[in-house]
PDB file of N, CA and C in Angstrom:
ATOM      1  N   UNK A   1     -54.939   4.312   7.751  1.00  0.00           N
ATOM      2  CA  UNK A   1     -54.101   4.416   6.568  1.00  0.00           C
ATOM      3  C   UNK A   1     -54.694   3.532   5.666  1.00  0.00           C
ATOM      4  N   UNK A   2     -54.980   4.023   4.340  1.00  0.00           N
ATOM      5  CA  UNK A   2     -55.799   3.326   3.302  1.00  0.00           C
ATOM      6  C   UNK A   2     -54.642   2.761   2.237  1.00  0.00           C
ATOM      7  N   UNK A   3     -54.870   1.714   1.851  1.00  0.00           N
ATOM      8  CA  UNK A   3     -53.996   1.146   0.749  1.00  0.00           C
ATOM      9  C   UNK A   3     -54.512   1.589  -0.594  1.00  0.00           C
ATOM     10  N   UNK A   4     -53.439   2.375  -1.340  1.00  0.00           N
ATOM     11  CA  UNK A   4     -53.730   2.856  -2.728  1.00  0.00           C
ATOM     12  C   UNK A   4     -54.318   1.724  -3.706  1.00  0.00           C
ATOM     13  N   UNK A   5     -55.135   2.059  -4.487  1.00  0.00           N
ATOM     14  CA  UNK A   5     -55.671   1.098  -5.446  1.00  0.00           C
ATOM     15  C   UNK A   5     -54.487   0.639  -6.264  1.00  0.00           C
ATOM     16  N   UNK A   6     -54.489  -0.598  -6.886  1.00  0.00           N
ATOM     17  CA  UNK A   6     -53.512  -1.243  -7.609  1.00  0.00           C
ATOM     18  C   UNK A   6     -53.432  -0.419  -8.974  1.00  0.00           C
ATOM     19  N   UNK A   7     -52.154   0.074  -9.302  1.00  0.00           N
ATOM     20  CA  UNK A   7     -51.878   0.725 -10.449  1.00  0.00           C
ATOM     21  C   UNK A   7     -51.509  -0.282 -11.708  1.00  0.00           C
ATOM     22  N   UNK A   8     -52.291  -0.244 -12.696  1.00  0.00           N
ATOM     23  CA  UNK A   8     -51.874  -1.288 -13.962  1.00  0.00           C
ATOM     24  C   UNK A   8     -50.535  -1.045 -14.359  1.00  0.00           C
ATOM     25  N   UNK A   9     -50.073   0.285 -14.393  1.00  0.00           N
ATOM     26  CA  UNK A   9     -48.623   0.407 -14.907  1.00  0.00           C
ATOM     27  C   UNK A   9     -47.450  -0.202 -13.954  1.00  0.00           C
ATOM     28  N   UNK A  10     -47.662  -0.002 -12.704  1.00  0.00           N
ATOM     29  CA  UNK A  10     -46.802  -0.450 -11.800  1.00  0.00           C
ATOM     30  C   UNK A  10     -46.805  -2.165 -11.989  1.00  0.00           C
ATOM     31  N   UNK A  11     -47.969  -2.632 -12.026  1.00  0.00           N
ATOM     32  CA  UNK A  11     -48.216  -4.003 -12.105  1.00  0.00           C
ATOM     33  C   UNK A  11     -47.441  -4.656 -13.448  1.00  0.00           C
ATOM     34  N   UNK A  12     -47.450  -3.905 -14.609  1.00  0.00           N
ATOM     35  CA  UNK A  12     -46.929  -4.377 -15.763  1.00  0.00           C
ATOM     36  C   UNK A  12     -45.350  -4.193 -15.626  1.00  0.00           C
ATOM     37  N   UNK A  13     -44.835  -3.143 -14.988  1.00  0.00           N
ATOM     38  CA  UNK A  13     -43.355  -3.080 -14.902  1.00  0.00           C
ATOM     39  C   UNK A  13     -42.920  -4.258 -14.059  1.00  0.00           C
ATOM     40  N   UNK A  14     -43.647  -4.421 -12.748  1.00  0.00           N
ATOM     41  CA  UNK A  14     -43.261  -5.477 -11.912  1.00  0.00           C
ATOM     42  C   UNK A  14     -43.271  -6.903 -12.612  1.00  0.00           C
ATOM     43  N   UNK A  15     -44.206  -7.118 -13.327  1.00  0.00           N
ATOM     44  CA  UNK A  15     -44.309  -8.649 -13.886  1.00  0.00           C
ATOM     45  C   UNK A  15     -43.037  -8.598 -14.999  1.00  0.00           C
ATOM     46  N   UNK A  16     -42.863  -7.415 -15.780  1.00  0.00           N
ATOM     47  CA  UNK A  16     -41.428  -7.513 -16.611  1.00  0.00           C
ATOM     48  C   UNK A  16     -40.272  -7.822 -15.904  1.00  0.00           C
ATOM     49  N   UNK A  17     -40.117  -7.051 -14.730  1.00  0.00           N
ATOM     50  CA  UNK A  17     -38.999  -7.377 -13.885  1.00  0.00           C
ATOM     51  C   UNK A  17     -38.874  -8.712 -13.545  1.00  0.00           C
ATOM     52  N   UNK A  18     -39.984  -9.310 -12.963  1.00  0.00           N
ATOM     53  CA  UNK A  18     -39.959 -10.603 -12.462  1.00  0.00           C
ATOM     54  C   UNK A  18     -39.628 -11.691 -13.668  1.00  0.00           C
ATOM     55  N   UNK A  19     -40.233 -11.408 -14.792  1.00  0.00           N
ATOM     56  CA  UNK A  19     -39.966 -12.263 -16.110  1.00  0.00           C
ATOM     57  C   UNK A  19     -38.391 -12.175 -16.383  1.00  0.00           C
ATOM     58  N   UNK A  20     -37.855 -11.096 -16.345  1.00  0.00           N
ATOM     59  CA  UNK A  20     -36.518 -10.887 -16.768  1.00  0.00           C
ATOM     60  C   UNK A  20     -35.697 -11.569 -15.678  1.00  0.00           C
ATOM     61  N   UNK A  21     -35.971 -11.494 -14.376  1.00  0.00           N
ATOM     62  CA  UNK A  21     -35.199 -12.280 -13.404  1.00  0.00           C
ATOM     63  C   UNK A  21     -35.214 -13.707 -13.652  1.00  0.00           C
ATOM     64  N   UNK A  22     -36.427 -14.135 -14.099  1.00  0.00           N
ATOM     65  CA  UNK A  22     -36.693 -15.728 -14.075  1.00  0.00           C
ATOM     66  C   UNK A  22     -35.733 -15.959 -15.329  1.00  0.00           C
ATOM     67  N   UNK A  23     -35.681 -15.259 -16.549  1.00  0.00           N
ATOM     68  CA  UNK A  23     -34.856 -15.742 -17.726  1.00  0.00           C
ATOM     69  C   UNK A  23     -33.443 -15.576 -17.393  1.00  0.00           C
ATOM     70  N   UNK A  24     -33.015 -14.687 -16.596  1.00  0.00           N
ATOM     71  CA  UNK A  24     -31.587 -14.527 -16.314  1.00  0.00           C
ATOM     72  C   UNK A  24     -31.085 -15.534 -15.239  1.00  0.00           C
ATOM     73  N   UNK A  25     -32.111 -16.047 -14.447  1.00  0.00           N
ATOM     74  CA  UNK A  25     -31.862 -17.405 -13.668  1.00  0.00           C
ATOM     75  C   UNK A  25     -31.679 -18.501 -14.291  1.00  0.00           C
ATOM     76  N   UNK A  26     -32.432 -18.688 -15.374  1.00  0.00           N
ATOM     77  CA  UNK A  26     -32.473 -19.914 -16.135  1.00  0.00           C
ATOM     78  C   UNK A  26     -31.285 -20.115 -17.033  1.00  0.00           C
ATOM     79  N   UNK A  27     -30.722 -18.822 -17.618  1.00  0.00           N
ATOM     80  CA  UNK A  27     -29.615 -18.976 -18.549  1.00  0.00           C
ATOM     81  C   UNK A  27     -28.398 -19.199 -17.679  1.00  0.00           C
ATOM     82  N   UNK A  28     -27.308 -20.175 -18.008  1.00  0.00           N
ATOM     83  CA  UNK A  28     -26.306 -20.304 -17.460  1.00  0.00           C
ATOM     84  C   UNK A  28     -25.189 -19.394 -17.805  1.00  0.00           C
ATOM     85  N   UNK A  29     -24.993 -18.275 -17.347  1.00  0.00           N
ATOM     86  CA  UNK A  29     -24.138 -17.196 -17.845  1.00  0.00           C
ATOM     87  C   UNK A  29     -22.977 -17.066 -16.854  1.00  0.00           C
ATOM     88  N   UNK A  30     -22.610 -15.903 -16.899  1.00  0.00           N
ATOM     89  CA  UNK A  30     -21.384 -15.576 -16.125  1.00  0.00           C
ATOM     90  C   UNK A  30     -21.879 -15.618 -14.663  1.00  0.00           C
ATOM     91  N   UNK A  31     -20.769 -15.944 -13.647  1.00  0.00           N
ATOM     92  CA  UNK A  31     -21.208 -16.208 -12.339  1.00  0.00           C
ATOM     93  C   UNK A  31     -21.438 -14.665 -11.634  1.00  0.00           C
ATOM     94  N   UNK A  32     -22.232 -14.684 -10.573  1.00  0.00           N
ATOM     95  CA  UNK A  32     -22.636 -13.502 -10.099  1.00  0.00           C
ATOM     96  C   UNK A  32     -21.345 -12.814  -9.535  1.00  0.00           C
ATOM     97  N   UNK A  33     -21.433 -11.690  -9.222  1.00  0.00           N
ATOM     98  CA  UNK A  33     -20.287 -10.760  -8.735  1.00  0.00           C
ATOM     99  C   UNK A  33     -19.633 -11.353  -7.529  1.00  0.00           C
ATOM    100  N   UNK A  34     -18.251 -11.411  -7.434  1.00  0.00           N
ATOM    101  CA  UNK A  34     -17.562 -11.829  -6.109  1.00  0.00           C
ATOM    102  C   UNK A  34     -16.502 -10.927  -5.987  1.00  0.00           C
ATOM    103  N   UNK A  35     -16.172 -10.816  -4.530  1.00  0.00           N
ATOM    104  CA  UNK A  35     -14.990  -9.759  -4.206  1.00  0.00           C
ATOM    105  C   UNK A  35     -13.803 -10.522  -4.935  1.00  0.00           C
ATOM    106  N   UNK A  36     -12.843  -9.666  -5.086  1.00  0.00           N
ATOM    107  CA  UNK A  36     -11.692 -10.037  -5.712  1.00  0.00           C
ATOM    108  C   UNK A  36     -10.862 -11.211  -5.041  1.00  0.00           C
ATOM    109  N   UNK A  37     -10.879 -11.167  -3.715  1.00  0.00           N
ATOM    110  CA  UNK A  37     -10.150 -12.264  -3.026  1.00  0.00           C
ATOM    111  C   UNK A  37     -10.862 -13.507  -3.003  1.00  0.00           C
ATOM    112  N   UNK A  38     -12.064 -13.531  -3.556  1.00  0.00           N
ATOM    113  CA  UNK A  38     -12.820 -14.935  -3.476  1.00  0.00           C
ATOM    114  C   UNK A  38     -12.878 -15.373  -5.040  1.00  0.00           C
ATOM    115  N   UNK A  39     -12.415 -14.731  -6.055  1.00  0.00           N
ATOM    116  CA  UNK A  39     -12.336 -15.034  -7.410  1.00  0.00           C
ATOM    117  C   UNK A  39     -11.213 -16.098  -7.485  1.00  0.00           C
ATOM    118  N   UNK A  40     -11.519 -16.945  -8.537  1.00  0.00           N
ATOM    119  CA  UNK A  40     -10.603 -17.956  -8.939  1.00  0.00           C
ATOM    120  C   UNK A  40      -9.414 -17.373  -9.743  1.00  0.00           C
ATOM    121  N   UNK A  41      -8.184 -17.740  -9.466  1.00  0.00           N
ATOM    122  CA  UNK A  41      -7.074 -16.971 -10.262  1.00  0.00           C
ATOM    123  C   UNK A  41      -6.913 -17.804 -11.540  1.00  0.00           C
ATOM    124  N   UNK A  42      -6.658 -16.987 -12.600  1.00  0.00           N
ATOM    125  CA  UNK A  42      -6.374 -17.633 -14.037  1.00  0.00           C
ATOM    126  C   UNK A  42      -5.014 -17.596 -14.027  1.00  0.00           C
ATOM    127  N   UNK A  43      -4.384 -19.079 -14.210  1.00  0.00           N
ATOM    128  CA  UNK A  43      -2.973 -19.141 -14.246  1.00  0.00           C
ATOM    129  C   UNK A  43      -2.450 -18.443 -15.335  1.00  0.00           C
ATOM    130  N   UNK A  44      -1.123 -17.844 -14.867  1.00  0.00           N
ATOM    131  CA  UNK A  44      -0.522 -17.152 -16.069  1.00  0.00           C
ATOM    132  C   UNK A  44       0.203 -17.823 -16.898  1.00  0.00           C
ATOM    133  N   UNK A  45       0.564 -17.446 -18.020  1.00  0.00           N
ATOM    134  CA  UNK A  45       1.313 -18.097 -19.222  1.00  0.00           C
ATOM    135  C   UNK A  45       2.743 -18.065 -18.576  1.00  0.00           C
ATOM    136  N   UNK A  46       3.449 -18.912 -19.278  1.00  0.00           N
ATOM    137  CA  UNK A  46       4.966 -18.936 -18.739  1.00  0.00           C
ATOM    138  C   UNK A  46       5.805 -17.537 -19.044  1.00  0.00           C
ATOM    139  N   UNK A  47       5.369 -17.140 -20.082  1.00  0.00           N
ATOM    140  CA  UNK A  47       5.880 -15.856 -20.605  1.00  0.00           C
ATOM    141  C   UNK A  47       5.632 -14.767 -19.709  1.00  0.00           C
ATOM    142  N   UNK A  48       4.380 -14.668 -19.304  1.00  0.00           N
ATOM    143  CA  UNK A  48       3.773 -13.548 -18.414  1.00  0.00           C
ATOM    144  C   UNK A  48       4.424 -13.771 -17.060  1.00  0.00           C
ATOM    145  N   UNK A  49       4.463 -14.894 -16.532  1.00  0.00           N
ATOM    146  CA  UNK A  49       5.207 -15.288 -15.249  1.00  0.00           C
ATOM    147  C   UNK A  49       6.629 -14.868 -15.337  1.00  0.00           C
ATOM    148  N   UNK A  50       7.328 -15.249 -16.416  1.00  0.00           N
ATOM    149  CA  UNK A  50       8.806 -14.717 -16.436  1.00  0.00           C
ATOM    150  C   UNK A  50       8.826 -13.327 -16.623  1.00  0.00           C
ATOM    151  N   UNK A  51       7.924 -12.584 -17.305  1.00  0.00           N
ATOM    152  CA  UNK A  51       7.972 -11.255 -17.220  1.00  0.00           C
ATOM    153  C   UNK A  51       7.861 -10.460 -15.964  1.00  0.00           C
ATOM    154  N   UNK A  52       6.824 -11.004 -15.191  1.00  0.00           N
ATOM    155  CA  UNK A  52       6.558 -10.528 -13.817  1.00  0.00           C
ATOM    156  C   UNK A  52       7.746 -10.700 -12.923  1.00  0.00           C
ATOM    157  N   UNK A  53       8.294 -11.834 -13.004  1.00  0.00           N
ATOM    158  CA  UNK A  53       9.577 -12.153 -12.287  1.00  0.00           C
ATOM    159  C   UNK A  53      10.802 -11.119 -12.476  1.00  0.00           C
ATOM    160  N   UNK A  54      10.817 -10.876 -14.028  1.00  0.00           N
ATOM    161  CA  UNK A  54      11.944 -10.108 -14.303  1.00  0.00           C
ATOM    162  C   UNK A  54      11.691  -8.714 -13.693  1.00  0.00           C
ATOM    163  N   UNK A  55      10.551  -8.239 -13.860  1.00  0.00           N
ATOM    164  CA  UNK A  55      10.453  -6.917 -13.286  1.00  0.00           C
ATOM    165  C   UNK A  55      10.474  -6.870 -11.846  1.00  0.00           C
ATOM    166  N   UNK A  56      10.031  -7.836 -11.222  1.00  0.00           N
ATOM    167  CA  UNK A  56      10.293  -7.876  -9.780  1.00  0.00           C
ATOM    168  C   UNK A  56      11.913  -7.812  -9.295  1.00  0.00           C
ATOM    169  N   UNK A  57      12.447  -8.633 -10.025  1.00  0.00           N
ATOM    170  CA  UNK A  57      14.086  -8.633  -9.893  1.00  0.00           C
ATOM    171  C   UNK A  57      14.703  -7.404 -10.031  1.00  0.00           C
ATOM    172  N   UNK A  58      14.220  -6.678 -11.101  1.00  0.00           N
ATOM    173  CA  UNK A  58      14.785  -5.329 -11.592  1.00  0.00           C
ATOM    174  C   UNK A  58      14.437  -4.353 -10.346  1.00  0.00           C
ATOM    175  N   UNK A  59      13.235  -4.243  -9.864  1.00  0.00           N
ATOM    176  CA  UNK A  59      12.759  -3.487  -8.875  1.00  0.00           C
ATOM    177  C   UNK A  59      13.546  -4.037  -7.511  1.00  0.00           C
ATOM    178  N   UNK A  60      13.812  -5.017  -7.207  1.00  0.00           N
ATOM    179  CA  UNK A  60      14.615  -5.240  -6.031  1.00  0.00           C
ATOM    180  C   UNK A  60      16.042  -5.042  -6.101  1.00  0.00           C
ATOM    181  N   UNK A  61      16.646  -5.233  -7.331  1.00  0.00           N
ATOM    182  CA  UNK A  61      18.015  -4.723  -7.662  1.00  0.00           C
ATOM    183  C   UNK A  61      18.148  -3.189  -7.512  1.00  0.00           C
ATOM    184  N   UNK A  62      17.290  -2.526  -8.083  1.00  0.00           N
ATOM    185  CA  UNK A  62      17.153  -1.018  -8.060  1.00  0.00           C
ATOM    186  C   UNK A  62      17.212  -0.554  -6.636  1.00  0.00           C
ATOM    187  N   UNK A  63      16.367  -1.199  -5.680  1.00  0.00           N
ATOM    188  CA  UNK A  63      16.204  -0.781  -4.380  1.00  0.00           C
ATOM    189  C   UNK A  63      17.603  -1.243  -3.520  1.00  0.00           C
ATOM    190  N   UNK A  64      18.134  -2.198  -3.887  1.00  0.00           N
ATOM    191  CA  UNK A  64      19.323  -2.578  -3.246  1.00  0.00           C
ATOM    192  C   UNK A  64      20.542  -1.545  -3.725  1.00  0.00           C
ATOM    193  N   UNK A  65      20.544  -1.256  -5.015  1.00  0.00           N
ATOM    194  CA  UNK A  65      21.511  -0.154  -5.332  1.00  0.00           C
ATOM    195  C   UNK A  65      21.172   1.116  -4.679  1.00  0.00           C
ATOM    196  N   UNK A  66      20.080   1.575  -4.511  1.00  0.00           N
ATOM    197  CA  UNK A  66      19.722   2.854  -3.744  1.00  0.00           C
ATOM    198  C   UNK A  66      20.180   2.759  -2.375  1.00  0.00           C
ATOM    199  N   UNK A  67      19.750   1.600  -1.623  1.00  0.00           N
ATOM    200  CA  UNK A  67      20.318   1.249  -0.240  1.00  0.00           C
ATOM    201  C   UNK A  67      21.773   1.394  -0.138  1.00  0.00           C
ATOM    202  N   UNK A  68      22.479   0.830  -1.113  1.00  0.00           N
ATOM    203  CA  UNK A  68      23.969   0.822  -1.042  1.00  0.00           C
ATOM    204  C   UNK A  68      24.482   2.313  -1.155  1.00  0.00           C
ATOM    205  N   UNK A  69      24.156   2.864  -2.191  1.00  0.00           N
ATOM    206  CA  UNK A  69      24.671   4.161  -2.390  1.00  0.00           C
ATOM    207  C   UNK A  69      24.060   5.133  -1.153  1.00  0.00           C
ATOM    208  N   UNK A  70      23.101   4.844  -0.650  1.00  0.00           N
ATOM    209  CA  UNK A  70      22.670   5.779   0.494  1.00  0.00           C
ATOM    210  C   UNK A  70      23.697   5.586   1.595  1.00  0.00           C
ATOM    211  N   UNK A  71      24.082   4.432   1.856  1.00  0.00           N
ATOM    212  CA  UNK A  71      25.111   4.257   2.877  1.00  0.00           C
ATOM    213  C   UNK A  71      26.446   4.710   2.651  1.00  0.00           C
ATOM    214  N   UNK A  72      26.746   4.793   1.314  1.00  0.00           N
ATOM    215  CA  UNK A  72      27.933   5.334   0.753  1.00  0.00           C
ATOM    216  C   UNK A  72      28.223   6.881   0.992  1.00  0.00           C
ATOM    217  N   UNK A  73      27.040   7.529   0.921  1.00  0.00           N
ATOM    218  CA  UNK A  73      27.066   8.960   0.923  1.00  0.00           C
ATOM    219  C   UNK A  73      27.553   9.437   2.297  1.00  0.00           C
ATOM    220  N   UNK A  74      28.602  10.195   2.276  1.00  0.00           N
ATOM    221  CA  UNK A  74      29.084  10.791   3.557  1.00  0.00           C
ATOM    222  C   UNK A  74      28.932  12.312   3.416  1.00  0.00           C
ATOM    223  N   UNK A  75      28.006  12.705   3.250  1.00  0.00           N
ATOM    224  CA  UNK A  75      27.951  14.199   3.218  1.00  0.00           C
ATOM    225  C   UNK A  75      28.379  14.849   4.567  1.00  0.00           C
ATOM    226  N   UNK A  76      29.045  16.016   4.588  1.00  0.00           N
ATOM    227  CA  UNK A  76      29.525  16.496   5.987  1.00  0.00           C
ATOM    228  C   UNK A  76      28.200  17.206   6.469  1.00  0.00           C
ATOM    229  N   UNK A  77      28.012  16.755   7.738  1.00  0.00           N
ATOM    230  CA  UNK A  77      26.736  17.288   8.374  1.00  0.00           C
ATOM    231  C   UNK A  77      27.370  18.597   9.250  1.00  0.00           C
ATOM    232  N   UNK A  78      26.534  19.735   9.286  1.00  0.00           N
ATOM    233  CA  UNK A  78      27.020  20.813   9.788  1.00  0.00           C
ATOM    234  C   UNK A  78      27.038  20.501  11.524  1.00  0.00           C
ATOM    235  N   UNK A  79      28.156  20.991  12.045  1.00  0.00           N
ATOM    236  CA  UNK A  79      28.156  20.739  13.530  1.00  0.00           C
ATOM    237  C   UNK A  79      27.009  21.610  14.304  1.00  0.00           C
ATOM    238  N   UNK A  80      26.763  22.745  13.579  1.00  0.00           N
ATOM    239  CA  UNK A  80      25.793  23.519  14.230  1.00  0.00           C
ATOM    240  C   UNK A  80      24.435  22.987  14.577  1.00  0.00           C
ATOM    241  N   UNK A  81      24.071  22.161  13.704  1.00  0.00           N
ATOM    242  CA  UNK A  81      22.559  21.634  13.679  1.00  0.00           C
ATOM    243  C   UNK A  81      22.590  20.712  15.084  1.00  0.00           C
ATOM    244  N   UNK A  82      23.683  20.098  15.387  1.00  0.00           N
ATOM    245  CA  UNK A  82      23.557  19.064  16.330  1.00  0.00           C
ATOM    246  C   UNK A  82      23.175  19.609  17.744  1.00  0.00           C
ATOM    247  N   UNK A  83      23.770  20.624  18.064  1.00  0.00           N
ATOM    248  CA  UNK A  83      23.147  21.300  19.297  1.00  0.00           C
ATOM    249  C   UNK A  83      22.839  22.813  18.986  1.00  0.00           C
ATOM    250  N   UNK A  84      21.868  23.292  19.820  1.00  0.00           N
ATOM    251  CA  UNK A  84      21.335  24.530  19.410  1.00  0.00           C
ATOM    252  C   UNK A  84      21.966  25.699  19.725  1.00  0.00           C
ATOM    253  N   UNK A  85      22.563  25.918  20.746  1.00  0.00           N
ATOM    254  CA  UNK A  85      23.134  27.116  21.265  1.00  0.00           C
ATOM    255  C   UNK A  85      24.627  27.018  21.320  1.00  0.00           C
ATOM    256  N   UNK A  86      25.423  28.050  21.380  1.00  0.00           N
ATOM    257  CA  UNK A  86      26.856  28.127  21.614  1.00  0.00           C
ATOM    258  C   UNK A  86      27.251  27.450  22.963  1.00  0.00           C
ATOM    259  N   UNK A  87      26.555  27.893  23.946  1.00  0.00           N
ATOM    260  CA  UNK A  87      26.828  27.293  25.312  1.00  0.00           C
ATOM    261  C   UNK A  87      26.648  25.813  25.339  1.00  0.00           C
ATOM    262  N   UNK A  88      25.418  25.387  24.697  1.00  0.00           N
ATOM    263  CA  UNK A  88      25.282  24.029  24.583  1.00  0.00           C
ATOM    264  C   UNK A  88      26.299  23.086  23.895  1.00  0.00           C
ATOM    265  N   UNK A  89      26.795  23.895  22.825  1.00  0.00           N
ATOM    266  CA  UNK A  89      27.963  23.403  22.033  1.00  0.00           C
ATOM    267  C   UNK A  89      29.173  23.133  22.991  1.00  0.00           C
ATOM    268  N   UNK A  90      29.443  24.225  23.887  1.00  0.00           N
ATOM    269  CA  UNK A  90      30.623  24.321  24.748  1.00  0.00           C
ATOM    270  C   UNK A  90      30.380  22.954  25.856  1.00  0.00           C
ATOM    271  N   UNK A  91      29.321  22.968  26.308  1.00  0.00           N
ATOM    272  CA  UNK A  91      28.920  21.814  27.087  1.00  0.00           C
ATOM    273  C   UNK A  91      29.217  20.522  26.680  1.00  0.00           C
ATOM    274  N   UNK A  92      28.554  20.264  25.389  1.00  0.00           N
ATOM    275  CA  UNK A  92      28.911  19.105  24.704  1.00  0.00           C
ATOM    276  C   UNK A  92      30.169  18.703  24.302  1.00  0.00           C
ATOM    277  N   UNK A  93      30.997  19.716  24.067  1.00  0.00           N
ATOM    278  CA  UNK A  93      32.439  19.609  23.851  1.00  0.00           C
ATOM    279  C   UNK A  93      33.275  19.096  25.147  1.00  0.00           C
ATOM    280  N   UNK A  94      32.947  19.781  26.168  1.00  0.00           N
ATOM    281  CA  UNK A  94      33.452  19.415  27.397  1.00  0.00           C
ATOM    282  C   UNK A  94      33.129  17.978  27.686  1.00  0.00           C
ATOM    283  N   UNK A  95      31.800  17.629  27.680  1.00  0.00           N
ATOM    284  CA  UNK A  95      31.397  16.366  28.068  1.00  0.00           C
ATOM    285  C   UNK A  95      31.972  15.384  27.154  1.00  0.00           C
ATOM    286  N   UNK A  96      32.183  15.583  25.879  1.00  0.00           N
ATOM    287  CA  UNK A  96      32.746  14.623  24.989  1.00  0.00           C
ATOM    288  C   UNK A  96      34.286  14.308  25.355  1.00  0.00           C
ATOM    289  N   UNK A  97      34.890  15.649  25.837  1.00  0.00           N
ATOM    290  CA  UNK A  97      36.336  15.324  26.191  1.00  0.00           C
ATOM    291  C   UNK A  97      36.449  14.522  27.509  1.00  0.00           C
ATOM    292  N   UNK A  98      35.377  14.598  28.423  1.00  0.00           N
ATOM    293  CA  UNK A  98      35.373  13.790  29.528  1.00  0.00           C
ATOM    294  C   UNK A  98      35.079  12.325  29.197  1.00  0.00           C
ATOM    295  N   UNK A  99      34.214  12.258  28.280  1.00  0.00           N
ATOM    296  CA  UNK A  99      33.778  10.804  27.874  1.00  0.00           C
ATOM    297  C   UNK A  99      35.005  10.104  27.339  1.00  0.00           C
ATOM    298  N   UNK A 100      35.829  10.715  26.499  1.00  0.00           N
ATOM    299  CA  UNK A 100      36.827   9.949  25.813  1.00  0.00           C
ATOM    300  C   UNK A 100      38.378  10.028  26.687  1.00  0.00           C
ATOM    301  N   UNK A 101      38.200  10.766  27.739  1.00  0.00           N
ATOM    302  CA  UNK A 101      39.332  10.623  28.787  1.00  0.00           C
ATOM    303  C   UNK A 101      39.045   9.474  29.704  1.00  0.00           C
ATOM    304  N   UNK A 102      40.082   9.199  30.494  1.00  0.00           N
ATOM    305  CA  UNK A 102      39.778   8.148  31.428  1.00  0.00           C
ATOM    306  C   UNK A 102      39.588   8.881  32.829  1.00  0.00           C
ATOM    307  N   UNK A 103      39.241  10.082  32.952  1.00  0.00           N
ATOM    308  CA  UNK A 103      38.919  10.862  34.190  1.00  0.00           C
ATOM    309  C   UNK A 103      37.837  10.161  35.015  1.00  0.00           C
ATOM    310  N   UNK A 104      37.886  10.074  36.257  1.00  0.00           N
ATOM    311  CA  UNK A 104      36.826   9.544  37.153  1.00  0.00           C
ATOM    312  C   UNK A 104      35.986  10.715  37.600  1.00  0.00           C
ATOM    313  N   UNK A 105      34.638  10.448  37.467  1.00  0.00           N
ATOM    314  CA  UNK A 105      33.820  11.436  37.865  1.00  0.00           C
ATOM    315  C   UNK A 105      33.450  11.149  39.308  1.00  0.00           C
ATOM    316  N   UNK A 106      33.364  12.094  40.197  1.00  0.00           N
ATOM    317  CA  UNK A 106      33.211  11.794  41.572  1.00  0.00           C
ATOM    318  C   UNK A 106      31.638  12.302  41.791  1.00  0.00           C
TER     319      UNK A 106
END
């Protein structure tokens, strides 16, 4: 395998890229990219912190209201959906009568 001859255009671009990299390294600019969980947190102002807490409190109160009223709802459930067939319903009725009575099962 032969090595291609040096192309002056590629060399010129490479030198420009290297020069730019050196300049960027010399300038104390923004820190390099970091994942979010490694970045330093900017402290919130008091007003922003209070606003966040107020919104969080509202969300929690609304969730509590929803939970409370969901427990209060007593929609009548259809008995047919509990057991699939009529024979099964008859069996379930007989078993529930036995369960609530004091009959002894032999």
